[in-house]
Amino acid sequence: MDNISDLRIFTNSDAPLAGNAESPRDGVIGSPRDGVIGSPRDTEELALIGSVERAIRRETHGAIRELRVDATPRAIMILGECSTYYAKQLAQETASRFREGRCLVNEIAVSPSHPR
């Protein structure tokens, strides 16, 4: 990527990446209050999100709690919690297989004291 200065990265403290608590995964990224005007998802992005989620769950044997994946034409973002850095790395390596030129943002939090 040449310039990602205009890419908005959400962290665990921000609003959900797709939709909100009232209407999860409604097909819109962000909201006007986030300063991001979302656009409807195309089927390719939705299929990519589903594929990444399934692959991470399979490869980590469900070690990532509250797994959330989002994708834009420029980035794939993975969020959740796990108890080991190994699980976080495994999730990242799994998601990286789907990059196809996108940057990968890993916001998985590691909480060693919280067992799977």
PDB file of N, CA and C in Angstrom:
ATOM      1  N   MET A   1       0.849  -1.176   0.000  1.00  0.00           N
ATOM      2  CA  MET A   1       0.000   0.000   0.000  1.00  0.00           C
ATOM      3  C   MET A   1       0.891   1.235   0.000  1.00  0.00           C
ATOM      4  N   ASP A   2       0.560   2.155  -0.863  1.00  0.00           N
ATOM      5  CA  ASP A   2       1.369   3.351  -0.952  1.00  0.00           C
ATOM      6  C   ASP A   2       1.025   4.362   0.131  1.00  0.00           C
ATOM      7  N   ASN A   3      -0.263   4.573   0.354  1.00  0.00           N
ATOM      8  CA  ASN A   3      -0.664   5.591   1.307  1.00  0.00           C
ATOM      9  C   ASN A   3      -1.899   5.110   2.054  1.00  0.00           C
ATOM     10  N   ILE A   4      -1.751   4.880   3.347  1.00  0.00           N
ATOM     11  CA  ILE A   4      -2.907   4.435   4.119  1.00  0.00           C
ATOM     12  C   ILE A   4      -3.311   5.473   5.162  1.00  0.00           C
ATOM     13  N   SER A   5      -2.888   6.722   4.943  1.00  0.00           N
ATOM     14  CA  SER A   5      -3.193   7.753   5.929  1.00  0.00           C
ATOM     15  C   SER A   5      -4.690   8.003   6.074  1.00  0.00           C
ATOM     16  N   ASP A   6      -5.472   7.724   5.026  1.00  0.00           N
ATOM     17  CA  ASP A   6      -6.908   7.957   5.127  1.00  0.00           C
ATOM     18  C   ASP A   6      -7.676   6.726   5.596  1.00  0.00           C
ATOM     19  N   LEU A   7      -6.989   5.657   5.924  1.00  0.00           N
ATOM     20  CA  LEU A   7      -7.639   4.432   6.390  1.00  0.00           C
ATOM     21  C   LEU A   7      -7.968   4.565   7.866  1.00  0.00           C
ATOM     22  N   ARG A   8      -9.237   4.422   8.204  1.00  0.00           N
ATOM     23  CA  ARG A   8      -9.664   4.514   9.606  1.00  0.00           C
ATOM     24  C   ARG A   8      -9.543   3.134  10.228  1.00  0.00           C
ATOM     25  N   ILE A   9      -8.764   3.018  11.281  1.00  0.00           N
ATOM     26  CA  ILE A   9      -8.589   1.756  11.989  1.00  0.00           C
ATOM     27  C   ILE A   9      -9.399   1.817  13.270  1.00  0.00           C
ATOM     28  N   PHE A  10     -10.274   0.840  13.471  1.00  0.00           N
ATOM     29  CA  PHE A  10     -11.071   0.742  14.672  1.00  0.00           C
ATOM     30  C   PHE A  10     -10.332  -0.123  15.676  1.00  0.00           C
ATOM     31  N   THR A  11     -10.435   0.218  16.925  1.00  0.00           N
ATOM     32  CA  THR A  11      -9.844  -0.598  17.980  1.00  0.00           C
ATOM     33  C   THR A  11     -10.952  -1.159  18.844  1.00  0.00           C
ATOM     34  N   ASN A  12     -10.565  -1.994  19.815  1.00  0.00           N
ATOM     35  CA  ASN A  12     -11.559  -2.636  20.674  1.00  0.00           C
ATOM     36  C   ASN A  12     -12.440  -1.633  21.401  1.00  0.00           C
ATOM     37  N   SER A  13     -11.978  -0.411  21.606  1.00  0.00           N
ATOM     38  CA  SER A  13     -12.765   0.571  22.346  1.00  0.00           C
ATOM     39  C   SER A  13     -13.737   1.327  21.447  1.00  0.00           C
ATOM     40  N   ASP A  14     -13.634   1.160  20.116  1.00  0.00           N
ATOM     41  CA  ASP A  14     -14.522   1.843  19.193  1.00  0.00           C
ATOM     42  C   ASP A  14     -15.815   1.070  19.022  1.00  0.00           C
ATOM     43  N   ALA A  15     -16.691   1.661  18.263  1.00  0.00           N
ATOM     44  CA  ALA A  15     -17.954   1.003  17.924  1.00  0.00           C
ATOM     45  C   ALA A  15     -17.668  -0.244  17.097  1.00  0.00           C
ATOM     46  N   PRO A  16     -18.616  -1.184  17.052  1.00  0.00           N
ATOM     47  CA  PRO A  16     -18.421  -2.374  16.227  1.00  0.00           C
ATOM     48  C   PRO A  16     -18.107  -1.997  14.790  1.00  0.00           C
ATOM     49  N   LEU A  17     -17.354  -2.845  14.110  1.00  0.00           N
ATOM     50  CA  LEU A  17     -16.921  -2.544  12.762  1.00  0.00           C
ATOM     51  C   LEU A  17     -18.046  -2.567  11.753  1.00  0.00           C
ATOM     52  N   ALA A  18     -19.004  -3.432  11.925  1.00  0.00           N
ATOM     53  CA  ALA A  18     -20.104  -3.504  10.974  1.00  0.00           C
ATOM     54  C   ALA A  18     -21.410  -3.453  11.739  1.00  0.00           C
ATOM     55  N   GLY A  19     -22.133  -2.388  11.558  1.00  0.00           N
ATOM     56  CA  GLY A  19     -23.410  -2.273  12.243  1.00  0.00           C
ATOM     57  C   GLY A  19     -23.250  -1.742  13.648  1.00  0.00           C
ATOM     58  N   ASN A  20     -24.264  -1.981  14.454  1.00  0.00           N
ATOM     59  CA  ASN A  20     -24.204  -1.554  15.848  1.00  0.00           C
ATOM     60  C   ASN A  20     -24.912  -2.602  16.689  1.00  0.00           C
ATOM     61  N   ALA A  21     -25.033  -2.348  17.978  1.00  0.00           N
ATOM     62  CA  ALA A  21     -25.613  -3.340  18.878  1.00  0.00           C
ATOM     63  C   ALA A  21     -27.062  -3.658  18.511  1.00  0.00           C
ATOM     64  N   GLU A  22     -27.782  -2.659  17.979  1.00  0.00           N
ATOM     65  CA  GLU A  22     -29.177  -2.884  17.630  1.00  0.00           C
ATOM     66  C   GLU A  22     -29.329  -3.682  16.333  1.00  0.00           C
ATOM     67  N   SER A  23     -28.391  -3.516  15.407  1.00  0.00           N
ATOM     68  CA  SER A  23     -28.495  -4.214  14.121  1.00  0.00           C
ATOM     69  C   SER A  23     -27.117  -4.688  13.668  1.00  0.00           C
ATOM     70  N   PRO A  24     -26.596  -5.756  14.279  1.00  0.00           N
ATOM     71  CA  PRO A  24     -25.272  -6.216  13.937  1.00  0.00           C
ATOM     72  C   PRO A  24     -25.164  -6.650  12.482  1.00  0.00           C
ATOM     73  N   ARG A  25     -24.008  -6.398  11.899  1.00  0.00           N
ATOM     74  CA  ARG A  25     -23.705  -6.808  10.526  1.00  0.00           C
ATOM     75  C   ARG A  25     -24.786  -6.377   9.547  1.00  0.00           C
ATOM     76  N   ASP A  26     -25.181  -5.087   9.655  1.00  0.00           N
ATOM     77  CA  ASP A  26     -26.235  -4.605   8.769  1.00  0.00           C
ATOM     78  C   ASP A  26     -25.702  -4.221   7.397  1.00  0.00           C
ATOM     79  N   GLY A  27     -24.435  -4.498   7.152  1.00  0.00           N
ATOM     80  CA  GLY A  27     -23.888  -4.238   5.837  1.00  0.00           C
ATOM     81  C   GLY A  27     -23.290  -2.866   5.666  1.00  0.00           C
ATOM     82  N   VAL A  28     -23.175  -2.081   6.727  1.00  0.00           N
ATOM     83  CA  VAL A  28     -22.600  -0.751   6.644  1.00  0.00           C
ATOM     84  C   VAL A  28     -21.430  -0.663   7.603  1.00  0.00           C
ATOM     85  N   ILE A  29     -20.323  -0.119   7.126  1.00  0.00           N
ATOM     86  CA  ILE A  29     -19.142   0.044   7.962  1.00  0.00           C
ATOM     87  C   ILE A  29     -19.253   1.386   8.667  1.00  0.00           C
ATOM     88  N   GLY A  30     -19.057   1.378   9.983  1.00  0.00           N
ATOM     89  CA  GLY A  30     -19.045   2.606  10.747  1.00  0.00           C
ATOM     90  C   GLY A  30     -20.403   3.275  10.791  1.00  0.00           C
ATOM     91  N   SER A  31     -20.403   4.528  11.172  1.00  0.00           N
ATOM     92  CA  SER A  31     -21.630   5.307  11.225  1.00  0.00           C
ATOM     93  C   SER A  31     -21.258   6.780  11.135  1.00  0.00           C
ATOM     94  N   PRO A  32     -22.214   7.653  10.870  1.00  0.00           N
ATOM     95  CA  PRO A  32     -21.888   9.069  10.792  1.00  0.00           C
ATOM     96  C   PRO A  32     -21.231   9.604  12.064  1.00  0.00           C
ATOM     97  N   ARG A  33     -21.615   9.075  13.251  1.00  0.00           N
ATOM     98  CA  ARG A  33     -20.996   9.583  14.480  1.00  0.00           C
ATOM     99  C   ARG A  33     -19.535   9.183  14.571  1.00  0.00           C
ATOM    100  N   ASP A  34     -19.116   8.098  13.854  1.00  0.00           N
ATOM    101  CA  ASP A  34     -17.712   7.699  13.825  1.00  0.00           C
ATOM    102  C   ASP A  34     -16.909   8.564  12.862  1.00  0.00           C
ATOM    103  N   GLY A  35     -17.599   9.393  12.090  1.00  0.00           N
ATOM    104  CA  GLY A  35     -16.908  10.159  11.078  1.00  0.00           C
ATOM    105  C   GLY A  35     -16.644   9.337   9.822  1.00  0.00           C
ATOM    106  N   VAL A  36     -17.290   8.202   9.709  1.00  0.00           N
ATOM    107  CA  VAL A  36     -17.106   7.338   8.551  1.00  0.00           C
ATOM    108  C   VAL A  36     -18.473   7.135   7.919  1.00  0.00           C
ATOM    109  N   ILE A  37     -18.593   7.457   6.674  1.00  0.00           N
ATOM    110  CA  ILE A  37     -19.838   7.200   5.968  1.00  0.00           C
ATOM    111  C   ILE A  37     -19.687   5.843   5.312  1.00  0.00           C
ATOM    112  N   GLY A  38     -20.472   4.887   5.763  1.00  0.00           N
ATOM    113  CA  GLY A  38     -20.361   3.522   5.275  1.00  0.00           C
ATOM    114  C   GLY A  38     -21.029   3.342   3.928  1.00  0.00           C
ATOM    115  N   SER A  39     -20.754   2.209   3.338  1.00  0.00           N
ATOM    116  CA  SER A  39     -21.385   1.869   2.071  1.00  0.00           C
ATOM    117  C   SER A  39     -21.871   0.440   2.156  1.00  0.00           C
ATOM    118  N   PRO A  40     -22.893   0.110   1.398  1.00  0.00           N
ATOM    119  CA  PRO A  40     -23.389  -1.264   1.439  1.00  0.00           C
ATOM    120  C   PRO A  40     -22.288  -2.244   1.051  1.00  0.00           C
ATOM    121  N   ARG A  41     -22.309  -3.403   1.688  1.00  0.00           N
ATOM    122  CA  ARG A  41     -21.330  -4.439   1.410  1.00  0.00           C
ATOM    123  C   ARG A  41     -21.666  -5.150   0.118  1.00  0.00           C
ATOM    124  N   ASP A  42     -20.645  -5.509  -0.635  1.00  0.00           N
ATOM    125  CA  ASP A  42     -20.906  -6.372  -1.776  1.00  0.00           C
ATOM    126  C   ASP A  42     -20.725  -7.820  -1.335  1.00  0.00           C
ATOM    127  N   THR A  43     -21.232  -8.712  -2.124  1.00  0.00           N
ATOM    128  CA  THR A  43     -21.200 -10.124  -1.745  1.00  0.00           C
ATOM    129  C   THR A  43     -19.788 -10.656  -1.629  1.00  0.00           C
ATOM    130  N   GLU A  44     -18.864 -10.104  -2.395  1.00  0.00           N
ATOM    131  CA  GLU A  44     -17.472 -10.559  -2.317  1.00  0.00           C
ATOM    132  C   GLU A  44     -16.869 -10.251  -0.952  1.00  0.00           C
ATOM    133  N   GLU A  45     -17.105  -9.042  -0.431  1.00  0.00           N
ATOM    134  CA  GLU A  45     -16.592  -8.693   0.901  1.00  0.00           C
ATOM    135  C   GLU A  45     -17.230  -9.558   1.979  1.00  0.00           C
ATOM    136  N   LEU A  46     -18.541  -9.763   1.888  1.00  0.00           N
ATOM    137  CA  LEU A  46     -19.220 -10.598   2.879  1.00  0.00           C
ATOM    138  C   LEU A  46     -18.707 -12.034   2.836  1.00  0.00           C
ATOM    139  N   ALA A  47     -18.460 -12.549   1.649  1.00  0.00           N
ATOM    140  CA  ALA A  47     -17.918 -13.904   1.518  1.00  0.00           C
ATOM    141  C   ALA A  47     -16.506 -13.975   2.108  1.00  0.00           C
ATOM    142  N   LEU A  48     -15.696 -12.930   1.873  1.00  0.00           N
ATOM    143  CA  LEU A  48     -14.343 -12.890   2.425  1.00  0.00           C
ATOM    144  C   LEU A  48     -14.384 -12.900   3.951  1.00  0.00           C
ATOM    145  N   ILE A  49     -15.253 -12.080   4.540  1.00  0.00           N
ATOM    146  CA  ILE A  49     -15.378 -12.019   5.998  1.00  0.00           C
ATOM    147  C   ILE A  49     -15.746 -13.392   6.554  1.00  0.00           C
ATOM    148  N   GLY A  50     -16.720 -14.046   5.950  1.00  0.00           N
ATOM    149  CA  GLY A  50     -17.134 -15.374   6.397  1.00  0.00           C
ATOM    150  C   GLY A  50     -16.009 -16.391   6.273  1.00  0.00           C
ATOM    151  N   SER A  51     -15.276 -16.348   5.166  1.00  0.00           N
ATOM    152  CA  SER A  51     -14.172 -17.291   4.958  1.00  0.00           C
ATOM    153  C   SER A  51     -13.072 -17.101   5.992  1.00  0.00           C
ATOM    154  N   VAL A  52     -12.726 -15.851   6.276  1.00  0.00           N
ATOM    155  CA  VAL A  52     -11.670 -15.568   7.267  1.00  0.00           C
ATOM    156  C   VAL A  52     -12.125 -16.017   8.647  1.00  0.00           C
ATOM    157  N   GLU A  53     -13.359 -15.707   9.019  1.00  0.00           N
ATOM    158  CA  GLU A  53     -13.877 -16.124  10.333  1.00  0.00           C
ATOM    159  C   GLU A  53     -13.836 -17.638  10.486  1.00  0.00           C
ATOM    160  N   ARG A  54     -14.335 -18.349   9.485  1.00  0.00           N
ATOM    161  CA  ARG A  54     -14.347 -19.822   9.559  1.00  0.00           C
ATOM    162  C   ARG A  54     -12.936 -20.387   9.645  1.00  0.00           C
ATOM    163  N   ALA A  55     -12.025 -19.853   8.851  1.00  0.00           N
ATOM    164  CA  ALA A  55     -10.648 -20.351   8.860  1.00  0.00           C
ATOM    165  C   ALA A  55      -9.984 -20.112  10.212  1.00  0.00           C
ATOM    166  N   ILE A  56     -10.178 -18.931  10.795  1.00  0.00           N
ATOM    167  CA  ILE A  56      -9.566 -18.638  12.101  1.00  0.00           C
ATOM    168  C   ILE A  56     -10.146 -19.554  13.170  1.00  0.00           C
ATOM    169  N   ARG A  57     -11.453 -19.716  13.180  1.00  0.00           N
ATOM    170  CA  ARG A  57     -12.065 -20.619  14.173  1.00  0.00           C
ATOM    171  C   ARG A  57     -11.529 -22.042  14.029  1.00  0.00           C
ATOM    172  N   ARG A  58     -11.407 -22.501  12.779  1.00  0.00           N
ATOM    173  CA  ARG A  58     -10.921 -23.863  12.526  1.00  0.00           C
ATOM    174  C   ARG A  58      -9.454 -24.009  12.947  1.00  0.00           C
ATOM    175  N   GLU A  59      -8.597 -23.103  12.509  1.00  0.00           N
ATOM    176  CA  GLU A  59      -7.153 -23.222  12.763  1.00  0.00           C
ATOM    177  C   GLU A  59      -6.788 -23.017  14.228  1.00  0.00           C
ATOM    178  N   THR A  60      -7.555 -22.186  14.936  1.00  0.00           N
ATOM    179  CA  THR A  60      -7.244 -21.927  16.350  1.00  0.00           C
ATOM    180  C   THR A  60      -8.070 -22.812  17.281  1.00  0.00           C
ATOM    181  N   HIS A  61      -8.891 -23.679  16.709  1.00  0.00           N
ATOM    182  CA  HIS A  61      -9.775 -24.557  17.494  1.00  0.00           C
ATOM    183  C   HIS A  61     -10.635 -23.748  18.463  1.00  0.00           C
ATOM    184  N   GLY A  62     -11.107 -22.589  17.994  1.00  0.00           N
ATOM    185  CA  GLY A  62     -12.003 -21.756  18.791  1.00  0.00           C
ATOM    186  C   GLY A  62     -11.340 -20.975  19.907  1.00  0.00           C
ATOM    187  N   ALA A  63     -10.015 -20.820  19.845  1.00  0.00           N
ATOM    188  CA  ALA A  63      -9.297 -20.142  20.925  1.00  0.00           C
ATOM    189  C   ALA A  63      -9.523 -18.633  20.961  1.00  0.00           C
ATOM    190  N   ILE A  64     -10.077 -18.055  19.899  1.00  0.00           N
ATOM    191  CA  ILE A  64     -10.317 -16.613  19.870  1.00  0.00           C
ATOM    192  C   ILE A  64     -11.759 -16.358  20.302  1.00  0.00           C
ATOM    193  N   ARG A  65     -11.911 -15.721  21.453  1.00  0.00           N
ATOM    194  CA  ARG A  65     -13.238 -15.390  21.965  1.00  0.00           C
ATOM    195  C   ARG A  65     -13.726 -14.100  21.302  1.00  0.00           C
ATOM    196  N   GLU A  66     -15.022 -14.004  21.117  1.00  0.00           N
ATOM    197  CA  GLU A  66     -15.635 -12.798  20.540  1.00  0.00           C
ATOM    198  C   GLU A  66     -14.948 -12.377  19.245  1.00  0.00           C
ATOM    199  N   LEU A  67     -14.646 -13.343  18.401  1.00  0.00           N
ATOM    200  CA  LEU A  67     -13.975 -13.064  17.134  1.00  0.00           C
ATOM    201  C   LEU A  67     -14.861 -12.206  16.245  1.00  0.00           C
ATOM    202  N   ARG A  68     -14.268 -11.136  15.728  1.00  0.00           N
ATOM    203  CA  ARG A  68     -14.928 -10.279  14.747  1.00  0.00           C
ATOM    204  C   ARG A  68     -13.940 -10.052  13.613  1.00  0.00           C
ATOM    205  N   VAL A  69     -14.416 -10.119  12.416  1.00  0.00           N
ATOM    206  CA  VAL A  69     -13.598  -9.865  11.234  1.00  0.00           C
ATOM    207  C   VAL A  69     -14.318  -8.825  10.404  1.00  0.00           C
ATOM    208  N   ASP A  70     -13.569  -7.902   9.851  1.00  0.00           N
ATOM    209  CA  ASP A  70     -14.141  -6.947   8.913  1.00  0.00           C
ATOM    210  C   ASP A  70     -13.169  -6.803   7.762  1.00  0.00           C
ATOM    211  N   ALA A  71     -13.683  -6.411   6.614  1.00  0.00           N
ATOM    212  CA  ALA A  71     -12.845  -6.244   5.430  1.00  0.00           C
ATOM    213  C   ALA A  71     -13.324  -5.054   4.634  1.00  0.00           C
ATOM    214  N   THR A  72     -12.376  -4.339   4.099  1.00  0.00           N
ATOM    215  CA  THR A  72     -12.629  -3.262   3.155  1.00  0.00           C
ATOM    216  C   THR A  72     -11.785  -3.579   1.931  1.00  0.00           C
ATOM    217  N   PRO A  73     -11.907  -2.816   0.893  1.00  0.00           N
ATOM    218  CA  PRO A  73     -11.036  -3.064  -0.255  1.00  0.00           C
ATOM    219  C   PRO A  73      -9.550  -2.892   0.078  1.00  0.00           C
ATOM    220  N   ARG A  74      -9.243  -2.205   1.190  1.00  0.00           N
ATOM    221  CA  ARG A  74      -7.850  -1.938   1.535  1.00  0.00           C
ATOM    222  C   ARG A  74      -7.320  -2.697   2.734  1.00  0.00           C
ATOM    223  N   ALA A  75      -8.192  -3.308   3.554  1.00  0.00           N
ATOM    224  CA  ALA A  75      -7.707  -3.931   4.786  1.00  0.00           C
ATOM    225  C   ALA A  75      -8.613  -5.063   5.250  1.00  0.00           C
ATOM    226  N   ILE A  76      -8.001  -5.980   5.995  1.00  0.00           N
ATOM    227  CA  ILE A  76      -8.739  -6.995   6.746  1.00  0.00           C
ATOM    228  C   ILE A  76      -8.420  -6.734   8.205  1.00  0.00           C
ATOM    229  N   MET A  77      -9.455  -6.654   9.036  1.00  0.00           N
ATOM    230  CA  MET A  77      -9.265  -6.398  10.460  1.00  0.00           C
ATOM    231  C   MET A  77      -9.800  -7.582  11.246  1.00  0.00           C
ATOM    232  N   ILE A  78      -8.990  -8.067  12.195  1.00  0.00           N
ATOM    233  CA  ILE A  78      -9.440  -9.155  13.066  1.00  0.00           C
ATOM    234  C   ILE A  78      -9.405  -8.656  14.501  1.00  0.00           C
ATOM    235  N   LEU A  79     -10.460  -8.942  15.236  1.00  0.00           N
ATOM    236  CA  LEU A  79     -10.586  -8.505  16.621  1.00  0.00           C
ATOM    237  C   LEU A  79     -11.103  -9.650  17.457  1.00  0.00           C
ATOM    238  N   GLY A  80     -10.795  -9.631  18.729  1.00  0.00           N
ATOM    239  CA  GLY A  80     -11.272 -10.636  19.660  1.00  0.00           C
ATOM    240  C   GLY A  80     -10.356 -10.710  20.856  1.00  0.00           C
ATOM    241  N   GLU A  81     -10.462 -11.797  21.595  1.00  0.00           N
ATOM    242  CA  GLU A  81      -9.630 -12.018  22.788  1.00  0.00           C
ATOM    243  C   GLU A  81      -9.166 -13.460  22.800  1.00  0.00           C
ATOM    244  N   CYS A  82      -7.987 -13.669  23.346  1.00  0.00           N
ATOM    245  CA  CYS A  82      -7.483 -15.030  23.514  1.00  0.00           C
ATOM    246  C   CYS A  82      -6.557 -15.057  24.723  1.00  0.00           C
ATOM    247  N   SER A  83      -6.138 -16.257  25.121  1.00  0.00           N
ATOM    248  CA  SER A  83      -5.315 -16.366  26.326  1.00  0.00           C
ATOM    249  C   SER A  83      -3.831 -16.547  26.029  1.00  0.00           C
ATOM    250  N   THR A  84      -3.443 -16.713  24.763  1.00  0.00           N
ATOM    251  CA  THR A  84      -2.007 -16.879  24.454  1.00  0.00           C
ATOM    252  C   THR A  84      -1.621 -16.063  23.224  1.00  0.00           C
ATOM    253  N   TYR A  85      -0.359 -15.657  23.202  1.00  0.00           N
ATOM    254  CA  TYR A  85       0.168 -14.974  22.032  1.00  0.00           C
ATOM    255  C   TYR A  85       0.255 -15.935  20.849  1.00  0.00           C
ATOM    256  N   TYR A  86       0.401 -17.213  21.113  1.00  0.00           N
ATOM    257  CA  TYR A  86       0.423 -18.210  20.051  1.00  0.00           C
ATOM    258  C   TYR A  86      -0.901 -18.204  19.287  1.00  0.00           C
ATOM    259  N   ALA A  87      -2.023 -18.165  20.005  1.00  0.00           N
ATOM    260  CA  ALA A  87      -3.336 -18.142  19.353  1.00  0.00           C
ATOM    261  C   ALA A  87      -3.506 -16.865  18.529  1.00  0.00           C
ATOM    262  N   LYS A  88      -3.035 -15.734  19.064  1.00  0.00           N
ATOM    263  CA  LYS A  88      -3.109 -14.468  18.326  1.00  0.00           C
ATOM    264  C   LYS A  88      -2.298 -14.563  17.039  1.00  0.00           C
ATOM    265  N   GLN A  89      -1.087 -15.092  17.132  1.00  0.00           N
ATOM    266  CA  GLN A  89      -0.233 -15.231  15.961  1.00  0.00           C
ATOM    267  C   GLN A  89      -0.843 -16.201  14.946  1.00  0.00           C
ATOM    268  N   LEU A  90      -1.406 -17.298  15.428  1.00  0.00           N
ATOM    269  CA  LEU A  90      -2.026 -18.283  14.549  1.00  0.00           C
ATOM    270  C   LEU A  90      -3.213 -17.662  13.798  1.00  0.00           C
ATOM    271  N   ALA A  91      -3.998 -16.862  14.494  1.00  0.00           N
ATOM    272  CA  ALA A  91      -5.118 -16.170  13.848  1.00  0.00           C
ATOM    273  C   ALA A  91      -4.605 -15.204  12.780  1.00  0.00           C
ATOM    274  N   GLN A  92      -3.525 -14.501  13.092  1.00  0.00           N
ATOM    275  CA  GLN A  92      -2.947 -13.555  12.131  1.00  0.00           C
ATOM    276  C   GLN A  92      -2.415 -14.277  10.898  1.00  0.00           C
ATOM    277  N   GLU A  93      -1.695 -15.356  11.101  1.00  0.00           N
ATOM    278  CA  GLU A  93      -1.161 -16.119   9.973  1.00  0.00           C
ATOM    279  C   GLU A  93      -2.292 -16.686   9.124  1.00  0.00           C
ATOM    280  N   THR A  94      -3.344 -17.134   9.757  1.00  0.00           N
ATOM    281  CA  THR A  94      -4.489 -17.670   9.028  1.00  0.00           C
ATOM    282  C   THR A  94      -5.150 -16.581   8.190  1.00  0.00           C
ATOM    283  N   ALA A  95      -5.385 -15.414   8.790  1.00  0.00           N
ATOM    284  CA  ALA A  95      -6.021 -14.308   8.066  1.00  0.00           C
ATOM    285  C   ALA A  95      -5.134 -13.801   6.937  1.00  0.00           C
ATOM    286  N   SER A  96      -3.829 -13.873   7.109  1.00  0.00           N
ATOM    287  CA  SER A  96      -2.915 -13.342   6.085  1.00  0.00           C
ATOM    288  C   SER A  96      -3.025 -14.107   4.765  1.00  0.00           C
ATOM    289  N   ARG A  97      -3.510 -15.329   4.808  1.00  0.00           N
ATOM    290  CA  ARG A  97      -3.688 -16.102   3.569  1.00  0.00           C
ATOM    291  C   ARG A  97      -4.761 -15.484   2.676  1.00  0.00           C
ATOM    292  N   PHE A  98      -5.603 -14.630   3.229  1.00  0.00           N
ATOM    293  CA  PHE A  98      -6.703 -14.024   2.487  1.00  0.00           C
ATOM    294  C   PHE A  98      -6.420 -12.574   2.080  1.00  0.00           C
ATOM    295  N   ARG A  99      -5.231 -12.074   2.344  1.00  0.00           N
ATOM    296  CA  ARG A  99      -4.926 -10.648   2.166  1.00  0.00           C
ATOM    297  C   ARG A  99      -5.138 -10.132   0.751  1.00  0.00           C
ATOM    298  N   GLU A 100      -4.598 -10.798  -0.242  1.00  0.00           N
ATOM    299  CA  GLU A 100      -4.711 -10.360  -1.637  1.00  0.00           C
ATOM    300  C   GLU A 100      -4.428  -8.867  -1.799  1.00  0.00           C
ATOM    301  N   GLY A 101      -3.314  -8.405  -1.248  1.00  0.00           N
ATOM    302  CA  GLY A 101      -2.909  -7.008  -1.371  1.00  0.00           C
ATOM    303  C   GLY A 101      -3.444  -6.085  -0.291  1.00  0.00           C
ATOM    304  N   ARG A 102      -4.350  -6.549   0.547  1.00  0.00           N
ATOM    305  CA  ARG A 102      -4.873  -5.714   1.630  1.00  0.00           C
ATOM    306  C   ARG A 102      -3.886  -5.720   2.791  1.00  0.00           C
ATOM    307  N   CYS A 103      -3.903  -4.661   3.591  1.00  0.00           N
ATOM    308  CA  CYS A 103      -3.130  -4.701   4.829  1.00  0.00           C
ATOM    309  C   CYS A 103      -3.939  -5.494   5.858  1.00  0.00           C
ATOM    310  N   LEU A 104      -3.259  -6.034   6.846  1.00  0.00           N
ATOM    311  CA  LEU A 104      -3.911  -6.833   7.882  1.00  0.00           C
ATOM    312  C   LEU A 104      -3.735  -6.129   9.215  1.00  0.00           C
ATOM    313  N   VAL A 105      -4.831  -5.897   9.908  1.00  0.00           N
ATOM    314  CA  VAL A 105      -4.809  -5.246  11.214  1.00  0.00           C
ATOM    315  C   VAL A 105      -5.255  -6.273  12.246  1.00  0.00           C
ATOM    316  N   ASN A 106      -4.362  -6.590  13.193  1.00  0.00           N
ATOM    317  CA  ASN A 106      -4.653  -7.586  14.217  1.00  0.00           C
ATOM    318  C   ASN A 106      -4.893  -6.868  15.540  1.00  0.00           C
ATOM    319  N   GLU A 107      -6.142  -6.790  15.945  1.00  0.00           N
ATOM    320  CA  GLU A 107      -6.518  -6.153  17.212  1.00  0.00           C
ATOM    321  C   GLU A 107      -6.998  -7.196  18.219  1.00  0.00           C
ATOM    322  N   ILE A 108      -6.459  -8.395  18.143  1.00  0.00           N
ATOM    323  CA  ILE A 108      -6.825  -9.435  19.101  1.00  0.00           C
ATOM    324  C   ILE A 108      -6.077  -9.162  20.394  1.00  0.00           C
ATOM    325  N   ALA A 109      -6.800  -9.061  21.491  1.00  0.00           N
ATOM    326  CA  ALA A 109      -6.205  -8.793  22.802  1.00  0.00           C
ATOM    327  C   ALA A 109      -5.846 -10.118  23.476  1.00  0.00           C
ATOM    328  N   VAL A 110      -4.656 -10.152  24.089  1.00  0.00           N
ATOM    329  CA  VAL A 110      -4.218 -11.345  24.802  1.00  0.00           C
ATOM    330  C   VAL A 110      -4.383 -11.102  26.301  1.00  0.00           C
ATOM    331  N   SER A 111      -5.157 -11.985  26.940  1.00  0.00           N
ATOM    332  CA  SER A 111      -5.390 -11.922  28.384  1.00  0.00           C
ATOM    333  C   SER A 111      -5.006 -13.267  28.978  1.00  0.00           C
ATOM    334  N   PRO A 112      -3.717 -13.463  29.325  1.00  0.00           N
ATOM    335  CA  PRO A 112      -3.268 -14.771  29.790  1.00  0.00           C
ATOM    336  C   PRO A 112      -4.027 -15.298  30.994  1.00  0.00           C
ATOM    337  N   SER A 113      -4.555 -14.432  31.822  1.00  0.00           N
ATOM    338  CA  SER A 113      -5.240 -14.897  33.026  1.00  0.00           C
ATOM    339  C   SER A 113      -6.668 -15.386  32.744  1.00  0.00           C
ATOM    340  N   HIS A 114      -7.143 -15.159  31.537  1.00  0.00           N
ATOM    341  CA  HIS A 114      -8.500 -15.554  31.174  1.00  0.00           C
ATOM    342  C   HIS A 114      -8.433 -16.779  30.291  1.00  0.00           C
ATOM    343  N   PRO A 115      -8.604 -17.980  30.861  1.00  0.00           N
ATOM    344  CA  PRO A 115      -8.484 -19.198  30.066  1.00  0.00           C
ATOM    345  C   PRO A 115      -9.577 -19.314  29.020  1.00  0.00           C
ATOM    346  N   ARG A 116      -9.293 -20.092  28.014  1.00  0.00           N
ATOM    347  CA  ARG A 116     -10.213 -20.333  26.924  1.00  0.00           C
ATOM    348  C   ARG A 116     -11.425 -20.973  27.466  1.00  0.00           C
TER     349      ARG A 116
END
